[in-house]
Amino acid sequence: PYREFPLWWYLNTMKNSGYLVTNISIFPVLYGDRWITSQLGVGKKYLSNFQKNYKNSVNLAEELMSQVDDIDLESKKNFKLQNGLCFGMDFVITASLMHK
């Protein structure tokens, strides 16, 4: 099945398919400062294109670029304090076939 189903869906499906869940391990998904820097870099790329294509909106693009730079600096401080950003979880389910 597709991974984006929630944990409860897997548990219900496994139970209805005759499996007994014996263990569930959950792992937080952590993003580091390189991840946010790369995401903000994508935004800067689009803002650069915006500046080139919409000459009347150069001031808006420059202000947005400044905001992106501020977010980048602030996020680096916060990532170091929090050891990353927790966003979602991965999990491993251990199960065995139930005897009838």
Protein backbone atom coordinates (compact mmCIF):
# COMPACT_ATOMS: atom_id res chain seq x y z
CA PRO A 1 0.00 0.00 0.00
CA TYR A 2 0.90 3.62 -0.45
CA ARG A 3 2.97 4.92 2.51
CA GLU A 4 0.88 8.02 3.11
CA PHE A 5 -1.92 6.10 4.80
CA PRO A 6 -2.09 6.83 8.55
CA LEU A 7 -0.92 4.30 11.12
CA TRP A 8 -4.48 3.43 12.18
CA TRP A 9 -5.31 2.41 8.60
CA TYR A 10 -2.43 -0.08 8.52
CA LEU A 11 -3.40 -1.49 11.92
CA ASN A 12 -7.05 -1.96 10.92
CA THR A 13 -6.14 -3.47 7.55
CA MET A 14 -3.67 -5.89 9.10
CA LYS A 15 -6.19 -6.97 11.74
CA ASN A 16 -8.92 -7.46 9.11
CA SER A 17 -6.46 -9.47 7.01
CA GLY A 18 -5.76 -11.90 9.83
CA TYR A 19 -2.55 -10.48 11.28
CA LEU A 20 -1.74 -9.94 14.94
CA VAL A 21 0.34 -6.82 15.52
CA THR A 22 3.17 -7.64 17.92
CA ASN A 23 5.08 -4.37 17.93
CA ILE A 24 4.95 -0.81 16.60
CA SER A 25 8.03 1.42 16.47
CA ILE A 26 7.56 5.11 15.72
CA PHE A 27 10.35 7.39 14.54
CA PRO A 28 10.02 11.17 14.27
CA VAL A 29 10.90 12.71 10.91
CA LEU A 30 13.45 15.42 11.63
CA TYR A 31 14.50 18.10 9.18
CA GLY A 32 17.78 19.95 9.64
CA ASP A 33 18.82 23.46 8.72
CA ARG A 34 20.09 22.33 5.28
CA TRP A 35 16.53 21.27 4.44
CA ILE A 36 15.01 24.66 5.24
CA THR A 37 17.86 26.45 3.47
CA SER A 38 17.19 24.40 0.34
CA GLN A 39 13.45 25.09 0.55
CA LEU A 40 14.05 28.80 0.97
CA GLY A 41 16.47 28.61 -1.96
CA VAL A 42 13.61 27.38 -4.14
CA GLY A 43 11.59 30.39 -3.04
CA LYS A 44 14.46 32.73 -3.89
CA LYS A 45 14.73 31.20 -7.35
CA TYR A 46 11.04 31.87 -8.00
CA LEU A 47 11.34 35.40 -6.63
CA SER A 48 14.28 36.03 -8.95
CA ASN A 49 12.16 34.91 -11.91
CA PHE A 50 9.31 37.06 -10.60
CA GLN A 51 11.59 40.12 -10.61
CA LYS A 52 12.61 39.46 -14.22
CA ASN A 53 9.09 38.82 -15.51
CA TYR A 54 7.15 41.48 -13.63
CA LYS A 55 9.17 44.68 -13.81
CA ASN A 56 6.43 46.69 -12.07
CA SER A 57 6.70 44.44 -8.99
CA VAL A 58 10.44 44.66 -8.35
CA ASN A 59 9.93 46.32 -4.95
CA LEU A 60 7.55 43.57 -3.87
CA ALA A 61 10.00 40.87 -4.94
CA GLU A 62 12.88 42.61 -3.14
CA GLU A 63 10.85 42.89 0.06
CA LEU A 64 9.84 39.23 -0.14
CA MET A 65 13.48 38.27 -0.75
CA SER A 66 14.42 40.20 2.38
CA GLN A 67 11.78 38.31 4.34
CA VAL A 68 13.13 34.98 3.05
CA ASP A 69 16.63 36.00 4.21
CA ASP A 70 15.25 36.88 7.67
CA ILE A 71 13.45 33.54 7.90
CA ASP A 72 16.66 31.75 6.90
CA LEU A 73 18.67 33.45 9.67
CA GLU A 74 15.98 32.90 12.30
CA SER A 75 15.45 29.26 11.35
CA LYS A 76 19.17 28.48 11.66
CA LYS A 77 19.13 29.77 15.24
CA ASN A 78 16.01 27.76 16.09
CA PHE A 79 17.20 24.55 14.41
CA LYS A 80 20.35 24.57 16.51
CA LEU A 81 18.32 25.08 19.69
CA GLN A 82 15.80 22.33 18.88
CA ASN A 83 18.04 19.85 17.03
CA GLY A 84 15.87 20.12 13.94
CA LEU A 85 12.23 20.38 13.03
CA CYS A 86 9.98 17.41 13.77
CA PHE A 87 7.45 17.06 10.99
CA GLY A 88 5.57 13.79 10.90
CA MET A 89 6.63 10.27 11.71
CA ASP A 90 7.72 7.02 10.16
CA PHE A 91 6.80 3.70 11.66
CA VAL A 92 7.57 0.00 11.51
CA ILE A 93 4.88 -2.54 12.30
CA THR A 94 5.78 -6.10 13.27
CA ALA A 95 3.01 -8.67 12.91
CA SER A 96 2.39 -12.38 12.59
CA LEU A 97 -0.37 -14.33 10.93
CA MET A 98 -3.06 -15.30 13.45
CA HIS A 99 -3.78 -19.01 13.75
CA LYS A 100 -7.33 -20.08 12.99
